[in-house]
Amino acid sequence: MLFIRFVGLAVLFVFFIDCKQSRFPKPKGYLALEYPIPVYHSFDGSPNYSFDYNAIAQPIVSSFESLQVYYPLMKATIYINYRKVENNLDSLLHDAYLIPYRHVSKAEEIPEKVFINHDQRVYGQLFSVIGNAASQQQFFLTDSTHHFILGSLYFYALPNYDSIYPAIKYIESDIMRMMASFQWN
């Protein structure tokens, strides 16, 4: 008899817990995005520098000092701006460090990667803005005497970090390749 009461109470307990849970349809998952294996070409359309870029991207020279590397498949652009160093390296570096931190209100964190290529005299830093910020990647490169490059990645979409994460990581590897192959002319 005790056993039947125990089983009856257990069934009632499960019934009440089950009835209190709301039934909602399962949300649709994010797309499983896959991008092609990168094939790199050399960009030498500037008198000041050259670098490797992914073949799925399109470099667009805006002016002598500005370049855009457009990714039509991902609706993203890396904006690159060139500045000549004329006793103003401190202010250029100061600005380069401030730009990623303008996104701090939307960022969960902003890890930094230092880049050094002594052979080509290319030194810089890559900032990854983690969170729903307007720009997820910021970087700068310099030779510390004559040349300075500032770059930013922007998507033409609402900055939902979880949704664009695969594209961010794909383009981040392209930016790392760009930095590693960068040469001053």
Protein backbone atom coordinates (compact mmCIF):
# COMPACT_ATOMS: atom_id res chain seq x y z
CA MET A 1 0.00 0.00 0.00
CA LEU A 2 2.83 2.33 0.83
CA PHE A 3 4.40 1.56 -2.54
CA ILE A 4 1.18 2.49 -4.41
CA ARG A 5 0.95 5.81 -2.54
CA PHE A 6 4.60 6.56 -3.38
CA VAL A 7 4.06 5.79 -7.07
CA GLY A 8 0.85 7.87 -7.08
CA LEU A 9 2.64 10.85 -5.50
CA ALA A 10 5.51 10.52 -7.98
CA VAL A 11 3.06 10.53 -10.93
CA LEU A 12 1.27 13.59 -9.53
CA PHE A 13 4.61 15.35 -8.96
CA VAL A 14 5.72 14.70 -12.55
CA PHE A 15 2.29 15.76 -13.83
CA PHE A 16 2.38 19.11 -12.00
CA ILE A 17 5.97 19.88 -13.02
CA ASP A 18 5.23 18.98 -16.64
CA CYS A 19 2.06 21.12 -16.71
CA LYS A 20 3.88 24.22 -15.46
CA GLN A 21 6.40 24.21 -18.29
CA SER A 22 5.49 26.32 -21.29
CA ARG A 23 5.50 24.76 -24.70
CA PHE A 24 7.21 26.88 -27.36
CA PRO A 25 8.35 25.86 -30.80
CA LYS A 26 12.08 25.38 -31.02
CA PRO A 27 13.84 28.36 -32.61
CA LYS A 28 15.49 27.92 -35.96
CA GLY A 29 19.25 27.56 -35.72
CA TYR A 30 21.79 29.85 -37.28
CA LEU A 31 23.03 29.00 -40.73
CA ALA A 32 26.01 26.70 -40.97
CA LEU A 33 28.23 29.01 -42.99
CA GLU A 34 31.12 27.57 -44.91
CA TYR A 35 33.60 29.67 -46.85
CA PRO A 36 36.07 28.60 -49.54
CA ILE A 37 39.64 27.72 -48.69
CA PRO A 38 41.58 30.98 -49.10
CA VAL A 39 43.66 31.57 -52.19
CA TYR A 40 45.85 34.65 -51.90
CA HIS A 41 46.94 37.22 -54.48
CA SER A 42 49.40 40.05 -54.09
CA PHE A 43 48.12 43.61 -53.93
CA ASP A 44 50.67 46.14 -55.15
CA GLY A 45 48.33 48.95 -56.21
CA SER A 46 49.85 51.43 -53.76
CA PRO A 47 53.18 53.19 -54.12
CA ASN A 48 53.77 52.77 -50.37
CA TYR A 49 52.98 49.14 -49.56
CA SER A 50 52.00 45.69 -50.80
CA PHE A 51 50.37 42.67 -49.14
CA ASP A 52 48.50 39.43 -49.82
CA TYR A 53 44.69 39.42 -49.94
CA ASN A 54 42.10 36.67 -50.32
CA ALA A 55 40.92 36.05 -53.89
CA ILE A 56 37.24 36.21 -52.82
CA ALA A 57 37.81 39.84 -51.82
CA GLN A 58 38.01 42.82 -54.13
CA PRO A 59 40.54 45.58 -53.40
CA ILE A 60 39.14 49.01 -54.27
CA VAL A 61 41.54 51.95 -54.29
CA SER A 62 39.57 54.97 -53.06
CA SER A 63 42.42 57.45 -53.09
CA PHE A 64 46.17 57.62 -52.67
CA GLU A 65 45.74 57.15 -48.91
CA SER A 66 42.63 54.92 -48.73
CA LEU A 67 41.91 51.37 -49.77
CA GLN A 68 38.94 49.07 -49.25
CA VAL A 69 39.13 45.28 -49.34
CA TYR A 70 35.52 44.29 -50.03
CA TYR A 71 34.11 40.81 -49.30
CA PRO A 72 30.87 40.58 -51.34
CA LEU A 73 30.07 37.05 -50.10
CA MET A 74 30.10 38.24 -46.48
CA LYS A 75 29.00 41.84 -47.05
CA ALA A 76 32.06 43.09 -45.22
CA THR A 77 34.85 45.57 -45.91
CA ILE A 78 38.30 46.14 -44.46
CA TYR A 79 38.98 49.88 -44.62
CA ILE A 80 42.70 50.70 -44.81
CA ASN A 81 44.05 54.22 -44.40
CA TYR A 82 47.66 55.22 -45.00
CA ARG A 83 49.38 58.06 -43.17
CA LYS A 84 52.90 59.34 -43.57
CA VAL A 85 54.89 59.52 -40.33
CA GLU A 86 56.21 63.06 -39.95
CA ASN A 87 57.27 63.41 -36.31
CA ASN A 88 53.71 62.39 -35.36
CA LEU A 89 54.08 58.69 -34.54
CA ASP A 90 52.93 59.25 -30.95
CA SER A 91 49.64 60.82 -32.03
CA LEU A 92 49.08 58.16 -34.72
CA LEU A 93 49.63 55.38 -32.18
CA HIS A 94 47.44 57.17 -29.64
CA ASP A 95 44.59 57.35 -32.17
CA ALA A 96 45.13 53.71 -33.21
CA TYR A 97 44.76 52.57 -29.60
CA LEU A 98 41.69 54.77 -29.00
CA ILE A 99 39.67 53.55 -32.00
CA PRO A 100 39.02 49.98 -30.75
CA TYR A 101 38.09 51.28 -27.33
CA ARG A 102 35.34 53.47 -28.79
CA HIS A 103 33.42 50.17 -29.00
CA VAL A 104 33.95 49.35 -25.32
CA SER A 105 30.30 49.97 -24.42
CA LYS A 106 29.23 47.11 -26.72
CA ALA A 107 32.31 44.93 -26.28
CA GLU A 108 32.63 42.06 -23.85
CA GLU A 109 36.39 42.19 -24.21
CA ILE A 110 39.06 43.51 -26.59
CA PRO A 111 42.03 41.13 -26.79
CA GLU A 112 45.16 42.37 -28.56
CA LYS A 113 47.73 40.53 -30.69
CA VAL A 114 51.14 42.12 -31.19
CA PHE A 115 52.72 41.73 -34.62
CA ILE A 116 56.46 42.08 -35.31
CA ASN A 117 58.31 41.39 -38.58
CA HIS A 118 61.87 42.65 -38.11
CA ASP A 119 62.99 41.61 -41.61
CA GLN A 120 60.39 43.83 -43.36
CA ARG A 121 60.32 46.49 -40.60
CA VAL A 122 56.59 45.99 -40.06
CA TYR A 123 55.28 46.37 -36.52
CA GLY A 124 51.69 46.51 -35.40
CA GLN A 125 48.80 45.26 -33.38
CA LEU A 126 45.46 43.55 -34.03
CA PHE A 127 42.48 44.28 -31.77
CA SER A 128 39.55 41.83 -31.77
CA VAL A 129 36.38 43.44 -30.46
CA ILE A 130 34.27 40.64 -28.97
CA GLY A 131 30.61 41.60 -28.74
CA ASN A 132 27.92 43.40 -30.71
CA ALA A 133 30.15 46.31 -31.72
CA ALA A 134 30.11 48.09 -35.07
CA SER A 135 33.64 46.92 -35.95
CA GLN A 136 35.03 43.57 -34.80
CA GLN A 137 38.63 43.92 -36.01
CA GLN A 138 40.95 46.93 -35.80
CA PHE A 139 44.66 46.95 -36.59
CA PHE A 140 47.61 49.17 -37.31
CA LEU A 141 51.00 48.63 -38.96
CA THR A 142 54.02 50.91 -39.04
CA ASP A 143 57.74 50.97 -39.75
CA SER A 144 57.96 53.61 -36.95
CA THR A 145 59.83 56.11 -39.15
CA HIS A 146 57.99 56.77 -42.45
CA HIS A 147 54.75 54.77 -42.86
CA PHE A 148 51.59 54.09 -40.84
CA ILE A 149 48.53 51.98 -41.78
CA LEU A 150 45.25 51.88 -39.87
CA GLY A 151 42.65 49.21 -40.70
CA SER A 152 39.09 48.42 -39.60
CA LEU A 153 36.66 45.64 -40.46
CA TYR A 154 32.96 46.49 -40.88
CA PHE A 155 29.97 44.33 -41.85
CA TYR A 156 26.92 45.67 -43.67
CA ALA A 157 24.59 44.06 -41.13
CA LEU A 158 23.41 44.51 -37.59
CA PRO A 159 26.33 43.63 -35.33
CA ASN A 160 24.98 40.36 -33.91
CA TYR A 161 28.31 38.84 -32.89
CA ASP A 162 27.00 35.27 -32.68
CA SER A 163 25.60 35.40 -36.21
CA ILE A 164 28.64 36.92 -37.91
CA TYR A 165 31.24 35.04 -35.84
CA PRO A 166 32.18 32.56 -38.63
CA ALA A 167 32.78 35.45 -41.05
CA ILE A 168 34.75 37.37 -38.40
CA LYS A 169 37.10 34.43 -37.82
CA TYR A 170 37.49 33.83 -41.56
CA ILE A 171 38.40 37.46 -42.25
CA GLU A 172 40.61 37.60 -39.14
CA SER A 173 42.82 34.90 -40.67
CA ASP A 174 42.95 36.99 -43.86
CA ILE A 175 44.00 40.03 -41.82
CA MET A 176 46.71 37.97 -40.14
CA ARG A 177 47.95 36.88 -43.60
CA MET A 178 47.81 40.49 -44.76
CA MET A 179 49.92 41.60 -41.79
CA ALA A 180 52.42 38.75 -42.26
CA SER A 181 52.91 39.50 -45.97
CA PHE A 182 52.94 43.31 -45.60
CA GLN A 183 55.90 45.12 -47.19
CA TRP A 184 56.74 48.78 -47.43
CA ASN A 185 57.76 50.02 -50.89
